[in-house]
């Protein structure tokens, strides 16, 4: 039968991705693996120095397996199989991922910079993908069958679709005029990385005390991250602040001289009213921002990318209705982002309650959960095993 479809218009690329963070680089790899002509535009000249994101869940590792990267990630990171939970009166229980089904019964600890480095290295083997740095997008014009992007680096770009993966301060989101709802949480944290594992090996440890929460997780290269809840935003603290707070709340002695960096943050949430405007699409933190406590955000972004690449493959093959498929993407990913953001907020709320009575009640509750029949449910919950 003769093909009566009109010829496809010729654009600079089929998909333009704005932002070469972890989600943008993953999406580019998935599209490149499918042979889709893709251009990645990144305003930065190089990879960022540091970030809050370190946890990669089993579903995200399954996505990375599709582009043959999961085992490289695992070889470079630290598999966390057990997270020990402590209260004011000692050990409460253990959230273990060992019984999670699948090839990766753990949460992988790998700093975002290393994740991005591995994704960018893999991208170089994709003949259909090009990454351009020092190219900030300054304008976007969605049309019926394509999108035009204006940049301050390489001029105008036309693409069948444009995807904003440019993070929580997304310029694409602003240029699209997407309405958002934002919320700043009333809790604050300081975190720093230390040399040495403090005798804790490859396990995670969280301490929920009446004075505030402390979290600790292993990092590659013999490092360990410590996160301390503070009573107010701490834009500046003395070098020994984290080690002093850890000692006071947990009894663990950290050598302040082994601390190599420090940053502070106040968790925020942002929900977009829409993820799609004609042929411009939001993905990852550009579409949703949630508390980093619990490590939900980047993993939700990876799931966004996995679903979006399937949608884009269908519409570029003309196997489905563009509006219907993009509407489904928006509906599903908005729902999953809301579930993850609520889960992150709920866990953060529970862990940051201060005071004698609230802390004791939390300890009783968590001991009952972690030592009872709900243990596996909680482990799978925080490993995001049921998030498509």
Protein backbone atom coordinates (compact mmCIF):
# COMPACT_ATOMS: atom_id res chain seq x y z
CA UNK A 1 0.00 0.00 0.00
CA UNK A 2 1.33 3.43 -0.92
CA UNK A 3 2.27 5.66 2.03
CA UNK A 4 0.01 8.71 1.84
CA UNK A 5 1.49 10.46 4.86
CA UNK A 6 2.94 13.89 4.05
CA UNK A 7 6.73 14.16 4.30
CA UNK A 8 8.02 15.07 7.74
CA UNK A 9 9.26 18.68 8.02
CA UNK A 10 13.01 19.06 8.38
CA UNK A 11 14.11 20.68 11.65
CA UNK A 12 17.51 21.16 13.24
CA UNK A 13 16.69 18.20 15.49
CA UNK A 14 13.74 16.06 16.44
CA UNK A 15 14.06 16.77 20.16
CA UNK A 16 15.80 19.70 21.83
CA UNK A 17 16.58 19.16 25.52
CA UNK A 18 17.26 22.24 27.61
CA UNK A 19 19.47 21.35 30.56
CA UNK A 20 22.24 18.77 30.89
CA UNK A 21 21.55 17.76 34.47
CA UNK A 22 21.01 14.10 35.39
CA UNK A 23 17.46 13.99 34.00
CA UNK A 24 18.33 15.79 30.77
CA UNK A 25 21.37 13.56 30.19
CA UNK A 26 19.36 10.41 30.90
CA UNK A 27 16.61 11.50 28.51
CA UNK A 28 19.23 12.27 25.85
CA UNK A 29 20.77 8.82 26.26
CA UNK A 30 17.39 7.10 26.01
CA UNK A 31 16.52 9.08 22.88
CA UNK A 32 19.97 8.45 21.41
CA UNK A 33 19.59 4.74 22.05
CA UNK A 34 16.44 4.92 19.91
CA UNK A 35 18.29 6.78 17.14
CA UNK A 36 16.30 10.02 17.59
CA UNK A 37 18.13 13.17 16.49
CA UNK A 38 18.59 15.11 19.72
CA UNK A 39 20.27 18.36 20.68
CA UNK A 40 21.09 19.08 24.35
CA UNK A 41 21.55 22.75 25.27
CA UNK A 42 23.32 23.55 28.55
CA UNK A 43 24.09 27.03 29.83
CA UNK A 44 26.97 25.90 32.06
CA UNK A 45 30.47 25.35 30.76
CA UNK A 46 31.11 22.28 32.92
CA UNK A 47 29.56 19.89 35.43
CA UNK A 48 28.43 21.41 38.76
CA UNK A 49 30.74 21.09 41.74
CA UNK A 50 28.35 19.50 44.23
CA UNK A 51 24.68 18.75 44.90
CA UNK A 52 22.29 17.32 47.46
CA UNK A 53 21.20 14.31 45.39
CA UNK A 54 23.00 11.01 46.07
CA UNK A 55 20.38 8.21 46.25
CA UNK A 56 19.46 6.12 43.20
CA UNK A 57 16.59 3.70 43.74
CA UNK A 58 16.08 0.21 42.22
CA UNK A 59 13.50 1.47 39.65
CA UNK A 60 15.99 4.11 38.49
CA UNK A 61 18.70 1.47 38.15
CA UNK A 62 16.27 -0.56 36.04
CA UNK A 63 15.89 2.47 33.73
CA UNK A 64 19.68 2.80 33.54
CA UNK A 65 19.85 -0.88 32.58
CA UNK A 66 18.02 -0.01 29.36
CA UNK A 67 21.07 1.93 28.20
CA UNK A 68 23.54 -0.54 29.74
CA UNK A 69 24.68 1.84 32.47
CA UNK A 70 23.32 0.31 35.68
CA UNK A 71 26.35 -1.84 36.43
CA UNK A 72 28.74 1.05 35.78
CA UNK A 73 26.78 3.12 38.28
CA UNK A 74 26.83 0.30 40.82
CA UNK A 75 30.58 -0.22 40.35
CA UNK A 76 31.21 3.48 41.02
CA UNK A 77 28.77 3.95 43.90
CA UNK A 78 28.03 2.45 47.32
CA UNK A 79 25.03 0.07 47.59
CA UNK A 80 23.15 0.88 50.80
CA UNK A 81 21.30 -2.24 51.92
CA UNK A 82 20.46 -1.23 55.49
CA UNK A 83 19.50 2.06 57.11
CA UNK A 84 19.59 1.97 60.91
CA UNK A 85 17.12 4.21 62.72
CA UNK A 86 18.04 5.64 66.13
CA UNK A 87 16.01 7.52 68.71
CA UNK A 88 16.83 9.29 71.96
CA UNK A 89 17.03 5.96 73.77
CA UNK A 90 19.17 4.10 71.23
CA UNK A 91 18.54 1.90 68.21
CA UNK A 92 14.89 1.79 67.14
CA UNK A 93 15.14 -0.59 64.19
CA UNK A 94 16.44 -1.10 60.67
CA UNK A 95 14.93 -0.27 57.29
CA UNK A 96 16.47 -3.00 55.15
CA UNK A 97 16.26 -3.18 51.36
CA UNK A 98 17.72 -6.69 51.18
CA UNK A 99 14.39 -8.39 50.46
CA UNK A 100 13.39 -6.03 47.66
CA UNK A 101 12.78 -8.07 44.49
CA UNK A 102 14.88 -7.58 41.39
CA UNK A 103 18.52 -7.22 40.46
CA UNK A 104 19.27 -4.30 42.77
CA UNK A 105 18.04 -4.85 46.37
CA UNK A 106 19.57 -1.62 47.64
CA UNK A 107 19.61 2.14 47.22
CA UNK A 108 22.78 3.26 45.47
CA UNK A 109 24.74 6.17 46.92
CA UNK A 110 26.38 8.10 44.10
CA UNK A 111 26.87 11.90 44.10
CA UNK A 112 25.03 13.65 41.31
CA UNK A 113 28.24 14.95 39.73
CA UNK A 114 29.48 11.37 39.25
CA UNK A 115 26.09 10.28 37.87
CA UNK A 116 26.21 13.12 35.37
CA UNK A 117 29.78 12.29 34.41
CA UNK A 118 28.84 8.67 33.61
CA UNK A 119 25.76 9.77 31.66
CA UNK A 120 27.74 12.33 29.67
CA UNK A 121 30.47 9.78 28.90
CA UNK A 122 27.83 7.37 27.58
CA UNK A 123 26.26 10.15 25.53
CA UNK A 124 29.44 10.50 23.48
CA UNK A 125 28.74 7.09 21.94
CA UNK A 126 25.31 8.23 20.64
CA UNK A 127 25.77 9.35 17.04
CA UNK A 128 22.32 10.97 16.93
CA UNK A 129 22.87 13.21 19.98
CA UNK A 130 24.87 16.42 20.31
CA UNK A 131 25.59 18.29 23.55
CA UNK A 132 26.29 22.02 23.34
CA UNK A 133 27.51 23.90 26.41
CA UNK A 134 27.49 27.67 27.02
CA UNK A 135 24.14 27.80 25.25
CA UNK A 136 21.47 29.46 27.40
CA UNK A 137 17.93 29.49 26.01
CA UNK A 138 16.46 32.99 25.97
CA UNK A 139 13.19 32.46 24.09
CA UNK A 140 10.74 29.75 23.05
CA UNK A 141 8.01 29.78 20.42
CA UNK A 142 5.85 26.62 20.33
CA UNK A 143 4.09 26.13 17.00
CA UNK A 144 1.57 23.56 15.82
CA UNK A 145 4.19 21.17 14.41
CA UNK A 146 7.48 22.37 15.93
CA UNK A 147 9.21 24.58 18.50
CA UNK A 148 11.68 27.39 17.89
CA UNK A 149 14.27 28.12 20.58
CA UNK A 150 16.39 31.23 20.78
CA UNK A 151 19.79 30.88 22.44
CA UNK A 152 22.63 33.22 23.29
CA UNK A 153 25.17 30.66 22.12
CA UNK A 154 24.19 29.17 18.78
CA UNK A 155 21.27 31.31 17.59
CA UNK A 156 17.86 29.92 16.68
CA UNK A 157 17.02 26.20 16.86
CA UNK A 158 14.00 24.41 15.44
CA UNK A 159 12.84 21.07 16.81
CA UNK A 160 9.79 18.87 16.60
CA UNK A 161 9.68 18.95 20.44
CA UNK A 162 11.49 20.85 23.18
CA UNK A 163 11.91 19.44 26.68
CA UNK A 164 12.80 21.59 29.68
CA UNK A 165 15.10 19.63 32.00
CA UNK A 166 16.77 22.72 33.42
CA UNK A 167 16.09 22.18 37.09
CA UNK A 168 14.17 23.91 39.86
CA UNK A 169 15.04 27.39 38.56
CA UNK A 170 13.85 26.42 35.09
CA UNK A 171 14.12 29.17 32.47
CA UNK A 172 11.98 27.10 30.09
CA UNK A 173 9.19 26.92 32.66
CA UNK A 174 9.27 30.70 32.95
CA UNK A 175 9.38 31.21 29.19
CA UNK A 176 6.41 28.85 28.77
CA UNK A 177 4.47 30.94 31.29
CA UNK A 178 3.52 27.91 33.38
CA UNK A 179 1.67 28.72 36.60
CA UNK A 180 3.16 27.20 39.75
CA UNK A 181 2.32 26.71 43.40
CA UNK A 182 5.31 27.02 45.73
CA UNK A 183 5.83 26.26 49.41
CA UNK A 184 8.85 26.64 51.70
CA UNK A 185 9.03 24.19 54.60
CA UNK A 186 9.67 25.37 58.16
CA UNK A 187 12.78 23.26 58.71
CA UNK A 188 16.41 23.83 57.85
CA UNK A 189 19.55 21.76 57.40
CA UNK A 190 23.34 21.97 57.12
CA UNK A 191 25.24 19.17 55.41
CA UNK A 192 28.86 18.32 54.90
CA UNK A 193 31.03 15.49 53.61
CA UNK A 194 33.76 13.97 55.76
CA UNK A 195 36.65 11.65 55.01
CA UNK A 196 36.28 8.31 56.76
CA UNK A 197 33.16 6.24 57.41
CA UNK A 198 33.15 6.79 61.20
CA UNK A 199 33.02 3.01 61.71
CA UNK A 200 29.61 2.84 60.01
CA UNK A 201 30.71 1.03 56.86
CA UNK A 202 28.27 1.04 53.95
CA UNK A 203 25.15 1.43 56.12
CA UNK A 204 22.94 4.47 56.41
CA UNK A 205 22.12 5.86 59.83
CA UNK A 206 19.39 8.31 60.82
CA UNK A 207 19.01 9.77 64.29
CA UNK A 208 15.66 11.25 65.31
CA UNK A 209 16.24 13.13 68.56
CA UNK A 210 14.32 15.67 70.60
CA UNK A 211 16.90 18.30 69.61
CA UNK A 212 16.62 17.62 65.87
CA UNK A 213 17.41 15.07 63.18
CA UNK A 214 20.81 13.85 61.98
CA UNK A 215 21.30 11.70 58.87
CA UNK A 216 24.44 9.97 57.66
CA UNK A 217 25.14 8.05 54.46
CA UNK A 218 28.27 6.57 52.86
CA UNK A 219 29.73 8.05 49.70
CA UNK A 220 32.29 6.64 47.27
CA UNK A 221 36.02 7.22 47.78
CA UNK A 222 35.90 6.73 51.55
CA UNK A 223 33.64 9.73 52.24
CA UNK A 224 30.54 10.05 54.38
CA UNK A 225 27.79 12.68 54.24
CA UNK A 226 26.30 14.12 57.43
CA UNK A 227 23.09 16.19 57.44
CA UNK A 228 22.06 18.09 60.57
CA UNK A 229 18.71 19.76 61.21
CA UNK A 230 19.02 23.34 62.47
CA UNK A 231 16.56 25.65 64.19
CA UNK A 232 16.91 28.40 61.59
CA UNK A 233 18.61 28.97 58.22
CA UNK A 234 22.38 28.77 58.69
CA UNK A 235 24.01 30.59 55.78
CA UNK A 236 27.25 30.58 57.73
CA UNK A 237 28.45 28.27 60.49
CA UNK A 238 31.88 27.71 62.05
CA UNK A 239 33.88 24.80 60.59
CA UNK A 240 33.23 22.59 63.63
CA UNK A 241 29.45 23.15 63.69
CA UNK A 242 28.40 19.84 62.11
CA UNK A 243 30.80 17.74 64.15
CA UNK A 244 29.65 19.47 67.36
CA UNK A 245 25.95 18.91 66.58
CA UNK A 246 26.56 15.28 65.64
CA UNK A 247 28.43 14.66 68.88
CA UNK A 248 25.76 16.39 70.96
CA UNK A 249 22.81 14.55 69.40
CA UNK A 250 24.24 11.13 68.58
CA UNK A 251 27.41 10.63 70.62
CA UNK A 252 29.40 10.02 67.42
CA UNK A 253 32.76 11.80 67.44
CA UNK A 254 33.58 13.40 64.10
CA UNK A 255 36.93 15.04 63.44
CA UNK A 256 36.14 18.57 62.21
CA UNK A 257 39.46 18.50 60.37
CA UNK A 258 38.12 15.72 58.12
CA UNK A 259 35.27 17.85 56.78
CA UNK A 260 35.82 18.79 53.13
CA UNK A 261 32.74 20.87 52.28
CA UNK A 262 29.58 22.35 53.72
CA UNK A 263 26.28 23.79 52.51
CA UNK A 264 22.91 24.69 53.96
CA UNK A 265 19.41 24.35 52.58
CA UNK A 266 15.76 24.91 53.39
CA UNK A 267 13.54 22.36 51.60
CA UNK A 268 10.95 23.68 49.19
CA UNK A 269 8.12 22.32 47.12
CA UNK A 270 6.92 23.49 43.73
CA UNK A 271 4.03 22.06 41.71
CA UNK A 272 3.33 23.07 38.12
CA UNK A 273 -0.23 23.43 36.90
CA UNK A 274 0.85 22.10 33.49
CA UNK A 275 3.78 20.10 32.13
CA UNK A 276 2.94 20.58 28.44
CA UNK A 277 2.36 23.62 26.24
CA UNK A 278 1.85 22.59 22.62
CA UNK A 279 5.19 20.91 21.82
CA UNK A 280 7.14 22.25 24.79
CA UNK A 281 7.35 19.80 27.70
CA UNK A 282 8.66 19.95 31.27
CA UNK A 283 10.53 17.06 32.90
CA UNK A 284 12.27 16.50 36.24
CA UNK A 285 12.77 19.39 38.67
CA UNK A 286 11.62 21.83 35.99
CA UNK A 287 8.17 20.26 36.44
CA UNK A 288 8.20 19.50 40.16
CA UNK A 289 10.38 20.29 43.17
CA UNK A 290 10.18 18.34 46.42
CA UNK A 291 12.11 18.00 49.65
CA UNK A 292 15.51 16.37 49.07
CA UNK A 293 15.11 14.55 52.39
CA UNK A 294 14.42 10.96 51.39
CA UNK A 295 16.01 11.24 47.93
CA UNK A 296 12.78 11.30 45.90
CA UNK A 297 13.32 14.15 43.43
CA UNK A 298 15.95 12.89 40.98
CA UNK A 299 14.38 9.44 40.88
CA UNK A 300 10.98 10.88 39.99
CA UNK A 301 12.75 12.82 37.24
CA UNK A 302 14.29 9.61 35.91
CA UNK A 303 10.81 8.07 35.76
CA UNK A 304 9.58 11.19 33.93
CA UNK A 305 12.30 10.71 31.33
CA UNK A 306 11.56 7.01 30.88
CA UNK A 307 7.88 7.66 30.21
CA UNK A 308 8.52 10.69 28.02
CA UNK A 309 10.93 8.87 25.72
CA UNK A 310 8.27 6.23 25.03
CA UNK A 311 5.78 9.00 24.21
CA UNK A 312 8.22 10.81 21.93
CA UNK A 313 9.13 7.61 20.09
CA UNK A 314 5.45 7.02 19.35
CA UNK A 315 4.67 10.53 18.14
CA UNK A 316 7.83 10.80 16.05
CA UNK A 317 6.89 7.49 14.38
CA UNK A 318 3.37 8.94 13.99
CA UNK A 319 1.92 5.99 15.87
CA UNK A 320 -0.40 8.03 18.05
CA UNK A 321 -2.17 11.30 18.63
CA UNK A 322 0.31 13.92 19.86
CA UNK A 323 -2.10 15.77 22.15
CA UNK A 324 -3.53 12.61 23.67
CA UNK A 325 -0.11 11.07 24.37
CA UNK A 326 1.32 14.25 25.87
CA UNK A 327 -1.83 14.70 27.95
CA UNK A 328 -1.37 11.20 29.34
CA UNK A 329 2.27 11.96 30.16
CA UNK A 330 1.22 15.11 32.01
CA UNK A 331 -1.58 13.39 33.93
CA UNK A 332 0.50 10.38 35.02
CA UNK A 333 3.65 12.27 35.92
CA UNK A 334 1.76 14.97 37.85
CA UNK A 335 0.11 12.25 39.92
CA UNK A 336 3.36 10.42 40.60
CA UNK A 337 5.20 13.63 41.46
CA UNK A 338 2.46 14.55 43.95
CA UNK A 339 2.70 11.10 45.58
CA UNK A 340 6.49 11.36 45.89
CA UNK A 341 6.38 14.95 47.16
CA UNK A 342 3.81 14.02 49.80
CA UNK A 343 5.90 11.00 50.78
CA UNK A 344 9.02 13.17 51.11
CA UNK A 345 7.14 15.83 53.09
CA UNK A 346 5.55 13.25 55.38
CA UNK A 347 8.86 11.57 56.15
CA UNK A 348 10.53 14.91 56.75
CA UNK A 349 7.70 16.05 59.05
CA UNK A 350 7.94 12.87 61.12
CA UNK A 351 11.71 13.02 61.40
CA UNK A 352 12.02 16.70 62.29
CA UNK A 353 9.56 16.91 65.21
CA UNK A 354 11.44 18.25 68.22
CA UNK A 355 10.71 18.06 71.92
CA UNK A 356 10.61 15.33 74.55
CA UNK A 357 7.06 14.01 74.12
CA UNK A 358 6.92 14.13 70.31
CA UNK A 359 10.30 12.44 70.08
CA UNK A 360 9.30 9.63 72.43
CA UNK A 361 6.01 9.07 70.58
CA UNK A 362 7.89 8.95 67.27
CA UNK A 363 10.25 6.34 68.67
CA UNK A 364 7.38 4.10 69.76
CA UNK A 365 5.69 4.46 66.37
CA UNK A 366 8.81 3.73 64.36
CA UNK A 367 9.82 0.78 66.52
CA UNK A 368 6.41 -0.77 65.94
CA UNK A 369 6.66 -0.24 62.19
CA UNK A 370 10.26 -1.36 61.69
CA UNK A 371 10.00 -4.42 63.91
CA UNK A 372 6.51 -5.45 62.80
CA UNK A 373 4.78 -6.80 59.72
CA UNK A 374 4.94 -3.36 58.01
CA UNK A 375 8.74 -3.49 57.66
CA UNK A 376 8.83 -4.70 54.06
CA UNK A 377 6.06 -2.28 53.08
CA UNK A 378 8.06 0.64 54.46
CA UNK A 379 11.28 -0.53 52.76
CA UNK A 380 9.58 -0.81 49.37
CA UNK A 381 7.84 2.52 49.99
CA UNK A 382 11.10 4.42 50.46
CA UNK A 383 12.83 2.51 47.66
CA UNK A 384 10.01 3.79 45.40
CA UNK A 385 9.27 0.28 44.18
CA UNK A 386 5.67 1.06 43.23
CA UNK A 387 6.25 4.34 41.41
CA UNK A 388 5.93 3.93 37.62
